[in-house]
mmCIF file of all heavy atoms, coordinates in Angstrom:
data_MODEL
# 
_entry.id   MODEL 
# 
loop_
_atom_site.group_PDB 
_atom_site.id 
_atom_site.type_symbol 
_atom_site.label_atom_id 
_atom_site.label_alt_id 
_atom_site.label_comp_id 
_atom_site.label_asym_id 
_atom_site.label_entity_id 
_atom_site.label_seq_id 
_atom_site.pdbx_PDB_ins_code 
_atom_site.Cartn_x 
_atom_site.Cartn_y 
_atom_site.Cartn_z 
_atom_site.occupancy 
_atom_site.B_iso_or_equiv 
_atom_site.pdbx_formal_charge 
_atom_site.auth_seq_id 
_atom_site.auth_comp_id 
_atom_site.auth_asym_id 
_atom_site.auth_atom_id 
_atom_site.pdbx_PDB_model_num 
ATOM 1   N N   . MET A 1 1  ? 114.383 157.553 249.569 1.00 0.00 ? 1  MET A N   1 
ATOM 2   C CA  . MET A 1 1  ? 113.204 158.031 250.282 1.00 0.00 ? 1  MET A CA  1 
ATOM 3   C C   . MET A 1 1  ? 112.030 158.025 249.320 1.00 0.00 ? 1  MET A C   1 
ATOM 4   O O   . MET A 1 1  ? 112.082 158.644 248.262 1.00 0.00 ? 1  MET A O   1 
ATOM 5   C CB  . MET A 1 1  ? 113.478 159.444 250.817 1.00 0.00 ? 1  MET A CB  1 
ATOM 6   C CG  . MET A 1 1  ? 112.300 160.163 251.407 1.00 0.00 ? 1  MET A CG  1 
ATOM 7   S SD  . MET A 1 1  ? 112.806 161.816 251.976 1.00 0.00 ? 1  MET A SD  1 
ATOM 8   C CE  . MET A 1 1  ? 111.207 162.536 252.312 1.00 0.00 ? 1  MET A CE  1 
ATOM 9   N N   . CYS A 1 2  ? 110.979 157.299 249.659 1.00 0.00 ? 2  CYS A N   1 
ATOM 10  C CA  . CYS A 1 2  ? 109.780 157.208 248.830 1.00 0.00 ? 2  CYS A CA  1 
ATOM 11  C C   . CYS A 1 2  ? 108.678 158.056 249.459 1.00 0.00 ? 2  CYS A C   1 
ATOM 12  O O   . CYS A 1 2  ? 108.351 157.879 250.640 1.00 0.00 ? 2  CYS A O   1 
ATOM 13  C CB  . CYS A 1 2  ? 109.334 155.755 248.697 1.00 0.00 ? 2  CYS A CB  1 
ATOM 14  S SG  . CYS A 1 2  ? 107.785 155.545 247.801 1.00 0.00 ? 2  CYS A SG  1 
ATOM 15  N N   . VAL A 1 3  ? 108.096 158.969 248.673 1.00 0.00 ? 3  VAL A N   1 
ATOM 16  C CA  . VAL A 1 3  ? 107.066 159.883 249.170 1.00 0.00 ? 3  VAL A CA  1 
ATOM 17  C C   . VAL A 1 3  ? 105.801 159.701 248.346 1.00 0.00 ? 3  VAL A C   1 
ATOM 18  O O   . VAL A 1 3  ? 105.840 159.807 247.112 1.00 0.00 ? 3  VAL A O   1 
ATOM 19  C CB  . VAL A 1 3  ? 107.531 161.350 249.103 1.00 0.00 ? 3  VAL A CB  1 
ATOM 20  C CG1 . VAL A 1 3  ? 106.474 162.272 249.701 1.00 0.00 ? 3  VAL A CG1 1 
ATOM 21  C CG2 . VAL A 1 3  ? 108.855 161.535 249.808 1.00 0.00 ? 3  VAL A CG2 1 
ATOM 22  N N   . GLY A 1 4  ? 104.679 159.433 249.016 1.00 0.00 ? 4  GLY A N   1 
ATOM 23  C CA  . GLY A 1 4  ? 103.395 159.375 248.333 1.00 0.00 ? 4  GLY A CA  1 
ATOM 24  C C   . GLY A 1 4  ? 102.897 160.779 248.051 1.00 0.00 ? 4  GLY A C   1 
ATOM 25  O O   . GLY A 1 4  ? 103.033 161.684 248.874 1.00 0.00 ? 4  GLY A O   1 
ATOM 26  N N   . THR A 1 5  ? 102.293 160.996 246.880 1.00 0.00 ? 5  THR A N   1 
ATOM 27  C CA  . THR A 1 5  ? 101.895 162.344 246.480 1.00 0.00 ? 5  THR A CA  1 
ATOM 28  C C   . THR A 1 5  ? 100.474 162.703 246.908 1.00 0.00 ? 5  THR A C   1 
ATOM 29  O O   . THR A 1 5  ? 100.021 163.810 246.625 1.00 0.00 ? 5  THR A O   1 
ATOM 30  C CB  . THR A 1 5  ? 102.021 162.492 244.958 1.00 0.00 ? 5  THR A CB  1 
ATOM 31  O OG1 . THR A 1 5  ? 101.220 161.483 244.315 1.00 0.00 ? 5  THR A OG1 1 
ATOM 32  C CG2 . THR A 1 5  ? 103.462 162.344 244.512 1.00 0.00 ? 5  THR A CG2 1 
ATOM 33  N N   . TYR A 1 6  ? 99.773  161.801 247.576 1.00 0.00 ? 6  TYR A N   1 
ATOM 34  C CA  . TYR A 1 6  ? 98.428  162.087 248.074 1.00 0.00 ? 6  TYR A CA  1 
ATOM 35  C C   . TYR A 1 6  ? 98.427  162.049 249.591 1.00 0.00 ? 6  TYR A C   1 
ATOM 36  O O   . TYR A 1 6  ? 99.232  161.336 250.211 1.00 0.00 ? 6  TYR A O   1 
ATOM 37  C CB  . TYR A 1 6  ? 97.416  161.073 247.535 1.00 0.00 ? 6  TYR A CB  1 
ATOM 38  C CG  . TYR A 1 6  ? 96.912  161.375 246.142 1.00 0.00 ? 6  TYR A CG  1 
ATOM 39  C CD1 . TYR A 1 6  ? 97.676  161.058 245.025 1.00 0.00 ? 6  TYR A CD1 1 
ATOM 40  C CD2 . TYR A 1 6  ? 95.675  161.985 245.945 1.00 0.00 ? 6  TYR A CD2 1 
ATOM 41  C CE1 . TYR A 1 6  ? 97.215  161.342 243.745 1.00 0.00 ? 6  TYR A CE1 1 
ATOM 42  C CE2 . TYR A 1 6  ? 95.207  162.271 244.666 1.00 0.00 ? 6  TYR A CE2 1 
ATOM 43  C CZ  . TYR A 1 6  ? 95.984  161.939 243.577 1.00 0.00 ? 6  TYR A CZ  1 
ATOM 44  O OH  . TYR A 1 6  ? 95.543  162.226 242.303 1.00 0.00 ? 6  TYR A OH  1 
ATOM 45  N N   . LEU A 1 7  ? 97.543  162.831 250.179 1.00 0.00 ? 7  LEU A N   1 
ATOM 46  C CA  . LEU A 1 7  ? 97.375  162.762 251.625 1.00 0.00 ? 7  LEU A CA  1 
ATOM 47  C C   . LEU A 1 7  ? 97.111  161.317 252.036 1.00 0.00 ? 7  LEU A C   1 
ATOM 48  O O   . LEU A 1 7  ? 96.379  160.608 251.340 1.00 0.00 ? 7  LEU A O   1 
ATOM 49  C CB  . LEU A 1 7  ? 96.188  163.642 252.055 1.00 0.00 ? 7  LEU A CB  1 
ATOM 50  C CG  . LEU A 1 7  ? 96.467  165.141 252.124 1.00 0.00 ? 7  LEU A CG  1 
ATOM 51  C CD1 . LEU A 1 7  ? 95.142  165.912 252.172 1.00 0.00 ? 7  LEU A CD1 1 
ATOM 52  C CD2 . LEU A 1 7  ? 97.307  165.479 253.346 1.00 0.00 ? 7  LEU A CD2 1 
ATOM 53  N N   . PRO A 1 8  ? 97.738  160.846 253.149 1.00 0.00 ? 8  PRO A N   1 
ATOM 54  C CA  . PRO A 1 8  ? 98.449  161.569 254.214 1.00 0.00 ? 8  PRO A CA  1 
ATOM 55  C C   . PRO A 1 8  ? 99.956  161.710 253.988 1.00 0.00 ? 8  PRO A C   1 
ATOM 56  O O   . PRO A 1 8  ? 100.691 161.902 254.948 1.00 0.00 ? 8  PRO A O   1 
ATOM 57  C CB  . PRO A 1 8  ? 98.174  160.707 255.436 1.00 0.00 ? 8  PRO A CB  1 
ATOM 58  C CG  . PRO A 1 8  ? 98.117  159.316 254.888 1.00 0.00 ? 8  PRO A CG  1 
ATOM 59  C CD  . PRO A 1 8  ? 97.497  159.437 253.523 1.00 0.00 ? 8  PRO A CD  1 
ATOM 60  N N   . PHE A 1 9  ? 100.439 161.620 252.733 1.00 0.00 ? 9  PHE A N   1 
ATOM 61  C CA  . PHE A 1 9  ? 101.838 161.840 252.395 1.00 0.00 ? 9  PHE A CA  1 
ATOM 62  C C   . PHE A 1 9  ? 102.780 160.941 253.206 1.00 0.00 ? 9  PHE A C   1 
ATOM 63  O O   . PHE A 1 9  ? 103.733 161.402 253.827 1.00 0.00 ? 9  PHE A O   1 
ATOM 64  C CB  . PHE A 1 9  ? 102.226 163.305 252.607 1.00 0.00 ? 9  PHE A CB  1 
ATOM 65  C CG  . PHE A 1 9  ? 101.433 164.274 251.785 1.00 0.00 ? 9  PHE A CG  1 
ATOM 66  C CD1 . PHE A 1 9  ? 100.797 165.342 252.384 1.00 0.00 ? 9  PHE A CD1 1 
ATOM 67  C CD2 . PHE A 1 9  ? 101.308 164.104 250.413 1.00 0.00 ? 9  PHE A CD2 1 
ATOM 68  C CE1 . PHE A 1 9  ? 100.050 166.245 251.627 1.00 0.00 ? 9  PHE A CE1 1 
ATOM 69  C CE2 . PHE A 1 9  ? 100.568 165.007 249.648 1.00 0.00 ? 9  PHE A CE2 1 
ATOM 70  C CZ  . PHE A 1 9  ? 99.938  166.082 250.274 1.00 0.00 ? 9  PHE A CZ  1 
ATOM 71  N N   . GLN A 1 10 ? 102.492 159.644 253.185 1.00 0.00 ? 10 GLN A N   1 
ATOM 72  C CA  . GLN A 1 10 ? 103.368 158.703 253.889 1.00 0.00 ? 10 GLN A CA  1 
ATOM 73  C C   . GLN A 1 10 ? 104.713 158.609 253.193 1.00 0.00 ? 10 GLN A C   1 
ATOM 74  O O   . GLN A 1 10 ? 104.801 158.680 251.964 1.00 0.00 ? 10 GLN A O   1 
ATOM 75  C CB  . GLN A 1 10 ? 102.725 157.318 253.968 1.00 0.00 ? 10 GLN A CB  1 
ATOM 76  C CG  . GLN A 1 10 ? 101.620 157.231 254.999 1.00 0.00 ? 10 GLN A CG  1 
ATOM 77  C CD  . GLN A 1 10 ? 101.194 155.809 255.282 1.00 0.00 ? 10 GLN A CD  1 
ATOM 78  O OE1 . GLN A 1 10 ? 101.584 154.892 254.575 1.00 0.00 ? 10 GLN A OE1 1 
ATOM 79  N NE2 . GLN A 1 10 ? 100.399 155.613 256.310 1.00 0.00 ? 10 GLN A NE2 1 
ATOM 80  N N   . THR A 1 11 ? 105.753 158.443 253.977 1.00 0.00 ? 11 THR A N   1 
ATOM 81  C CA  . THR A 1 11 ? 107.112 158.330 253.439 1.00 0.00 ? 11 THR A CA  1 
ATOM 82  C C   . THR A 1 11 ? 107.734 157.017 253.905 1.00 0.00 ? 11 THR A C   1 
ATOM 83  O O   . THR A 1 11 ? 107.455 156.548 255.011 1.00 0.00 ? 11 THR A O   1 
ATOM 84  C CB  . THR A 1 11 ? 107.985 159.501 253.902 1.00 0.00 ? 11 THR A CB  1 
ATOM 85  O OG1 . THR A 1 11 ? 107.944 159.589 255.332 1.00 0.00 ? 11 THR A OG1 1 
ATOM 86  C CG2 . THR A 1 11 ? 107.508 160.816 253.315 1.00 0.00 ? 11 THR A CG2 1 
ATOM 87  N N   . THR A 1 12 ? 108.570 156.448 253.058 1.00 0.00 ? 12 THR A N   1 
ATOM 88  C CA  . THR A 1 12 ? 109.296 155.225 253.394 1.00 0.00 ? 12 THR A CA  1 
ATOM 89  C C   . THR A 1 12 ? 110.764 155.450 253.079 1.00 0.00 ? 12 THR A C   1 
ATOM 90  O O   . THR A 1 12 ? 111.102 155.969 252.016 1.00 0.00 ? 12 THR A O   1 
ATOM 91  C CB  . THR A 1 12 ? 108.764 154.027 252.588 1.00 0.00 ? 12 THR A CB  1 
ATOM 92  O OG1 . THR A 1 12 ? 107.345 153.939 252.741 1.00 0.00 ? 12 THR A OG1 1 
ATOM 93  C CG2 . THR A 1 12 ? 109.392 152.731 253.077 1.00 0.00 ? 12 THR A CG2 1 
ATOM 94  N N   . TYR A 1 13 ? 111.625 155.065 254.017 1.00 0.00 ? 13 TYR A N   1 
ATOM 95  C CA  . TYR A 1 13 ? 113.060 155.299 253.894 1.00 0.00 ? 13 TYR A CA  1 
ATOM 96  C C   . TYR A 1 13 ? 113.779 153.951 253.849 1.00 0.00 ? 13 TYR A C   1 
ATOM 97  O O   . TYR A 1 13 ? 113.480 153.044 254.640 1.00 0.00 ? 13 TYR A O   1 
ATOM 98  C CB  . TYR A 1 13 ? 113.584 156.118 255.073 1.00 0.00 ? 13 TYR A CB  1 
ATOM 99  C CG  . TYR A 1 13 ? 112.775 157.353 255.372 1.00 0.00 ? 13 TYR A CG  1 
ATOM 100 C CD1 . TYR A 1 13 ? 111.634 157.282 256.161 1.00 0.00 ? 13 TYR A CD1 1 
ATOM 101 C CD2 . TYR A 1 13 ? 113.142 158.597 254.876 1.00 0.00 ? 13 TYR A CD2 1 
ATOM 102 C CE1 . TYR A 1 13 ? 110.873 158.402 256.448 1.00 0.00 ? 13 TYR A CE1 1 
ATOM 103 C CE2 . TYR A 1 13 ? 112.396 159.730 255.155 1.00 0.00 ? 13 TYR A CE2 1 
ATOM 104 C CZ  . TYR A 1 13 ? 111.264 159.620 255.940 1.00 0.00 ? 13 TYR A CZ  1 
ATOM 105 O OH  . TYR A 1 13 ? 110.519 160.748 256.220 1.00 0.00 ? 13 TYR A OH  1 
ATOM 106 N N   . TYR A 1 14 ? 114.746 153.840 252.936 1.00 0.00 ? 14 TYR A N   1 
ATOM 107 C CA  . TYR A 1 14 ? 115.538 152.625 252.787 1.00 0.00 ? 14 TYR A CA  1 
ATOM 108 C C   . TYR A 1 14 ? 117.009 152.992 253.021 1.00 0.00 ? 14 TYR A C   1 
ATOM 109 O O   . TYR A 1 14 ? 117.576 153.782 252.262 1.00 0.00 ? 14 TYR A O   1 
ATOM 110 C CB  . TYR A 1 14 ? 115.368 152.032 251.387 1.00 0.00 ? 14 TYR A CB  1 
ATOM 111 C CG  . TYR A 1 14 ? 113.930 151.741 251.005 1.00 0.00 ? 14 TYR A CG  1 
ATOM 112 C CD1 . TYR A 1 14 ? 113.122 152.732 250.460 1.00 0.00 ? 14 TYR A CD1 1 
ATOM 113 C CD2 . TYR A 1 14 ? 113.379 150.482 251.200 1.00 0.00 ? 14 TYR A CD2 1 
ATOM 114 C CE1 . TYR A 1 14 ? 111.805 152.481 250.112 1.00 0.00 ? 14 TYR A CE1 1 
ATOM 115 C CE2 . TYR A 1 14 ? 112.060 150.213 250.848 1.00 0.00 ? 14 TYR A CE2 1 
ATOM 116 C CZ  . TYR A 1 14 ? 111.281 151.212 250.308 1.00 0.00 ? 14 TYR A CZ  1 
ATOM 117 O OH  . TYR A 1 14 ? 109.969 150.955 249.965 1.00 0.00 ? 14 TYR A OH  1 
ATOM 118 N N   . LEU A 1 15 ? 117.604 152.419 254.059 1.00 0.00 ? 15 LEU A N   1 
ATOM 119 C CA  . LEU A 1 15 ? 119.010 152.695 254.347 1.00 0.00 ? 15 LEU A CA  1 
ATOM 120 C C   . LEU A 1 15 ? 119.720 151.412 254.728 1.00 0.00 ? 15 LEU A C   1 
ATOM 121 O O   . LEU A 1 15 ? 119.085 150.369 254.945 1.00 0.00 ? 15 LEU A O   1 
ATOM 122 C CB  . LEU A 1 15 ? 119.161 153.751 255.437 1.00 0.00 ? 15 LEU A CB  1 
ATOM 123 C CG  . LEU A 1 15 ? 118.395 153.549 256.743 1.00 0.00 ? 15 LEU A CG  1 
ATOM 124 C CD1 . LEU A 1 15 ? 119.216 154.024 257.920 1.00 0.00 ? 15 LEU A CD1 1 
ATOM 125 C CD2 . LEU A 1 15 ? 117.095 154.359 256.715 1.00 0.00 ? 15 LEU A CD2 1 
ATOM 126 N N   . ASN A 1 16 ? 121.043 151.484 254.836 1.00 0.00 ? 16 ASN A N   1 
ATOM 127 C CA  . ASN A 1 16 ? 121.858 150.309 255.116 1.00 0.00 ? 16 ASN A CA  1 
ATOM 128 C C   . ASN A 1 16 ? 122.914 150.661 256.149 1.00 0.00 ? 16 ASN A C   1 
ATOM 129 O O   . ASN A 1 16 ? 123.608 151.674 256.016 1.00 0.00 ? 16 ASN A O   1 
ATOM 130 C CB  . ASN A 1 16 ? 122.522 149.800 253.831 1.00 0.00 ? 16 ASN A CB  1 
ATOM 131 C CG  . ASN A 1 16 ? 123.064 148.400 253.970 1.00 0.00 ? 16 ASN A CG  1 
ATOM 132 O OD1 . ASN A 1 16 ? 123.944 148.142 254.785 1.00 0.00 ? 16 ASN A OD1 1 
ATOM 133 N ND2 . ASN A 1 16 ? 122.536 147.480 253.183 1.00 0.00 ? 16 ASN A ND2 1 
ATOM 134 N N   . GLY A 1 17 ? 123.032 149.820 257.189 1.00 0.00 ? 17 GLY A N   1 
ATOM 135 C CA  . GLY A 1 17 ? 123.998 150.081 258.245 1.00 0.00 ? 17 GLY A CA  1 
ATOM 136 C C   . GLY A 1 17 ? 125.434 150.063 257.766 1.00 0.00 ? 17 GLY A C   1 
ATOM 137 O O   . GLY A 1 17 ? 126.295 150.744 258.335 1.00 0.00 ? 17 GLY A O   1 
ATOM 138 N N   . HIS A 1 18 ? 125.741 149.305 256.716 1.00 0.00 ? 18 HIS A N   1 
ATOM 139 C CA  . HIS A 1 18 ? 127.104 149.247 256.199 1.00 0.00 ? 18 HIS A CA  1 
ATOM 140 C C   . HIS A 1 18 ? 127.559 150.586 255.617 1.00 0.00 ? 18 HIS A C   1 
ATOM 141 O O   . HIS A 1 18 ? 128.742 150.929 255.699 1.00 0.00 ? 18 HIS A O   1 
ATOM 142 C CB  . HIS A 1 18 ? 127.222 148.152 255.135 1.00 0.00 ? 18 HIS A CB  1 
ATOM 143 C CG  . HIS A 1 18 ? 127.215 146.761 255.707 1.00 0.00 ? 18 HIS A CG  1 
ATOM 144 N ND1 . HIS A 1 18 ? 126.064 146.081 255.989 1.00 0.00 ? 18 HIS A ND1 1 
ATOM 145 C CD2 . HIS A 1 18 ? 128.244 145.943 256.070 1.00 0.00 ? 18 HIS A CD2 1 
ATOM 146 C CE1 . HIS A 1 18 ? 126.359 144.896 256.475 1.00 0.00 ? 18 HIS A CE1 1 
ATOM 147 N NE2 . HIS A 1 18 ? 127.669 144.779 256.539 1.00 0.00 ? 18 HIS A NE2 1 
ATOM 148 N N   . ASN A 1 19 ? 126.631 151.350 255.039 1.00 0.00 ? 19 ASN A N   1 
ATOM 149 C CA  . ASN A 1 19 ? 126.991 152.662 254.513 1.00 0.00 ? 19 ASN A CA  1 
ATOM 150 C C   . ASN A 1 19 ? 127.389 153.618 255.628 1.00 0.00 ? 19 ASN A C   1 
ATOM 151 O O   . ASN A 1 19 ? 128.323 154.406 255.487 1.00 0.00 ? 19 ASN A O   1 
ATOM 152 C CB  . ASN A 1 19 ? 125.820 153.234 253.712 1.00 0.00 ? 19 ASN A CB  1 
ATOM 153 C CG  . ASN A 1 19 ? 125.473 152.394 252.501 1.00 0.00 ? 19 ASN A CG  1 
ATOM 154 O OD1 . ASN A 1 19 ? 126.326 151.695 251.962 1.00 0.00 ? 19 ASN A OD1 1 
ATOM 155 N ND2 . ASN A 1 19 ? 124.227 152.458 252.061 1.00 0.00 ? 19 ASN A ND2 1 
ATOM 156 N N   . PHE A 1 20 ? 126.661 153.564 256.739 1.00 0.00 ? 20 PHE A N   1 
ATOM 157 C CA  . PHE A 1 20 ? 127.021 154.390 257.895 1.00 0.00 ? 20 PHE A CA  1 
ATOM 158 C C   . PHE A 1 20 ? 128.388 154.011 258.442 1.00 0.00 ? 20 PHE A C   1 
ATOM 159 O O   . PHE A 1 20 ? 129.216 154.878 258.764 1.00 0.00 ? 20 PHE A O   1 
ATOM 160 C CB  . PHE A 1 20 ? 125.953 154.234 258.982 1.00 0.00 ? 20 PHE A CB  1 
ATOM 161 C CG  . PHE A 1 20 ? 126.332 154.817 260.300 1.00 0.00 ? 20 PHE A CG  1 
ATOM 162 C CD1 . PHE A 1 20 ? 126.256 156.188 260.512 1.00 0.00 ? 20 PHE A CD1 1 
ATOM 163 C CD2 . PHE A 1 20 ? 126.779 154.010 261.337 1.00 0.00 ? 20 PHE A CD2 1 
ATOM 164 C CE1 . PHE A 1 20 ? 126.621 156.738 261.738 1.00 0.00 ? 20 PHE A CE1 1 
ATOM 165 C CE2 . PHE A 1 20 ? 127.139 154.550 262.557 1.00 0.00 ? 20 PHE A CE2 1 
ATOM 166 C CZ  . PHE A 1 20 ? 127.060 155.916 262.757 1.00 0.00 ? 20 PHE A CZ  1 
ATOM 167 N N   . MET A 1 21 ? 128.668 152.716 258.540 1.00 0.00 ? 21 MET A N   1 
ATOM 168 C CA  . MET A 1 21 ? 129.957 152.254 259.044 1.00 0.00 ? 21 MET A CA  1 
ATOM 169 C C   . MET A 1 21 ? 131.103 152.704 258.139 1.00 0.00 ? 21 MET A C   1 
ATOM 170 O O   . MET A 1 21 ? 132.187 153.061 258.623 1.00 0.00 ? 21 MET A O   1 
ATOM 171 C CB  . MET A 1 21 ? 129.935 150.731 259.174 1.00 0.00 ? 21 MET A CB  1 
ATOM 172 C CG  . MET A 1 21 ? 128.941 150.215 260.214 1.00 0.00 ? 21 MET A CG  1 
ATOM 173 S SD  . MET A 1 21 ? 128.560 148.460 259.997 1.00 0.00 ? 21 MET A SD  1 
ATOM 174 C CE  . MET A 1 21 ? 130.170 147.741 260.241 1.00 0.00 ? 21 MET A CE  1 
ATOM 175 N N   . GLU A 1 22 ? 130.870 152.676 256.844 1.00 0.00 ? 22 GLU A N   1 
ATOM 176 C CA  . GLU A 1 22 ? 131.905 153.108 255.894 1.00 0.00 ? 22 GLU A CA  1 
ATOM 177 C C   . GLU A 1 22 ? 132.295 154.563 256.136 1.00 0.00 ? 22 GLU A C   1 
ATOM 178 O O   . GLU A 1 22 ? 133.495 154.899 256.151 1.00 0.00 ? 22 GLU A O   1 
ATOM 179 C CB  . GLU A 1 22 ? 131.386 152.928 254.465 1.00 0.00 ? 22 GLU A CB  1 
ATOM 180 C CG  . GLU A 1 22 ? 132.362 153.369 253.389 1.00 0.00 ? 22 GLU A CG  1 
ATOM 181 C CD  . GLU A 1 22 ? 131.807 153.186 251.995 1.00 0.00 ? 22 GLU A CD  1 
ATOM 182 O OE1 . GLU A 1 22 ? 130.671 152.685 251.866 1.00 0.00 ? 22 GLU A OE1 1 
ATOM 183 O OE2 . GLU A 1 22 ? 132.513 153.552 251.035 1.00 0.00 ? 22 GLU A OE2 1 
ATOM 184 N N   . ILE A 1 23 ? 131.308 155.432 256.346 1.00 0.00 ? 23 ILE A N   1 
ATOM 185 C CA  . ILE A 1 23 ? 131.600 156.847 256.587 1.00 0.00 ? 23 ILE A CA  1 
ATOM 186 C C   . ILE A 1 23 ? 132.338 157.032 257.906 1.00 0.00 ? 23 ILE A C   1 
ATOM 187 O O   . ILE A 1 23 ? 133.287 157.827 258.006 1.00 0.00 ? 23 ILE A O   1 
ATOM 188 C CB  . ILE A 1 23 ? 130.287 157.651 256.565 1.00 0.00 ? 23 ILE A CB  1 
ATOM 189 C CG1 . ILE A 1 23 ? 129.712 157.653 255.154 1.00 0.00 ? 23 ILE A CG1 1 
ATOM 190 C CG2 . ILE A 1 23 ? 130.504 159.083 257.052 1.00 0.00 ? 23 ILE A CG2 1 
ATOM 191 C CD1 . ILE A 1 23 ? 128.376 158.341 255.025 1.00 0.00 ? 23 ILE A CD1 1 
ATOM 192 N N   . GLU A 1 24 ? 131.933 156.282 258.934 1.00 0.00 ? 24 GLU A N   1 
ATOM 193 C CA  . GLU A 1 24 ? 132.605 156.385 260.235 1.00 0.00 ? 24 GLU A CA  1 
ATOM 194 C C   . GLU A 1 24 ? 134.074 155.988 260.130 1.00 0.00 ? 24 GLU A C   1 
ATOM 195 O O   . GLU A 1 24 ? 134.949 156.659 260.685 1.00 0.00 ? 24 GLU A O   1 
ATOM 196 C CB  . GLU A 1 24 ? 131.886 155.499 261.259 1.00 0.00 ? 24 GLU A CB  1 
ATOM 197 C CG  . GLU A 1 24 ? 130.562 156.046 261.742 1.00 0.00 ? 24 GLU A CG  1 
ATOM 198 C CD  . GLU A 1 24 ? 130.738 157.285 262.585 1.00 0.00 ? 24 GLU A CD  1 
ATOM 199 O OE1 . GLU A 1 24 ? 131.608 157.287 263.474 1.00 0.00 ? 24 GLU A OE1 1 
ATOM 200 O OE2 . GLU A 1 24 ? 130.015 158.280 262.334 1.00 0.00 ? 24 GLU A OE2 1 
ATOM 201 N N   . LEU A 1 25 ? 134.364 154.904 259.429 1.00 0.00 ? 25 LEU A N   1 
ATOM 202 C CA  . LEU A 1 25 ? 135.748 154.451 259.299 1.00 0.00 ? 25 LEU A CA  1 
ATOM 203 C C   . LEU A 1 25 ? 136.588 155.441 258.489 1.00 0.00 ? 25 LEU A C   1 
ATOM 204 O O   . LEU A 1 25 ? 137.760 155.665 258.805 1.00 0.00 ? 25 LEU A O   1 
ATOM 205 C CB  . LEU A 1 25 ? 135.787 153.068 258.652 1.00 0.00 ? 25 LEU A CB  1 
ATOM 206 C CG  . LEU A 1 25 ? 135.210 151.911 259.480 1.00 0.00 ? 25 LEU A CG  1 
ATOM 207 C CD1 . LEU A 1 25 ? 135.314 150.606 258.709 1.00 0.00 ? 25 LEU A CD1 1 
ATOM 208 C CD2 . LEU A 1 25 ? 135.917 151.776 260.820 1.00 0.00 ? 25 LEU A CD2 1 
# 
């Protein structure tokens, strides 16, 4: 999760569907 420290404090999230599948299995 990337968070900018100045207003408007935009955030960017990086995730992967394979990680979710691994937990489900």
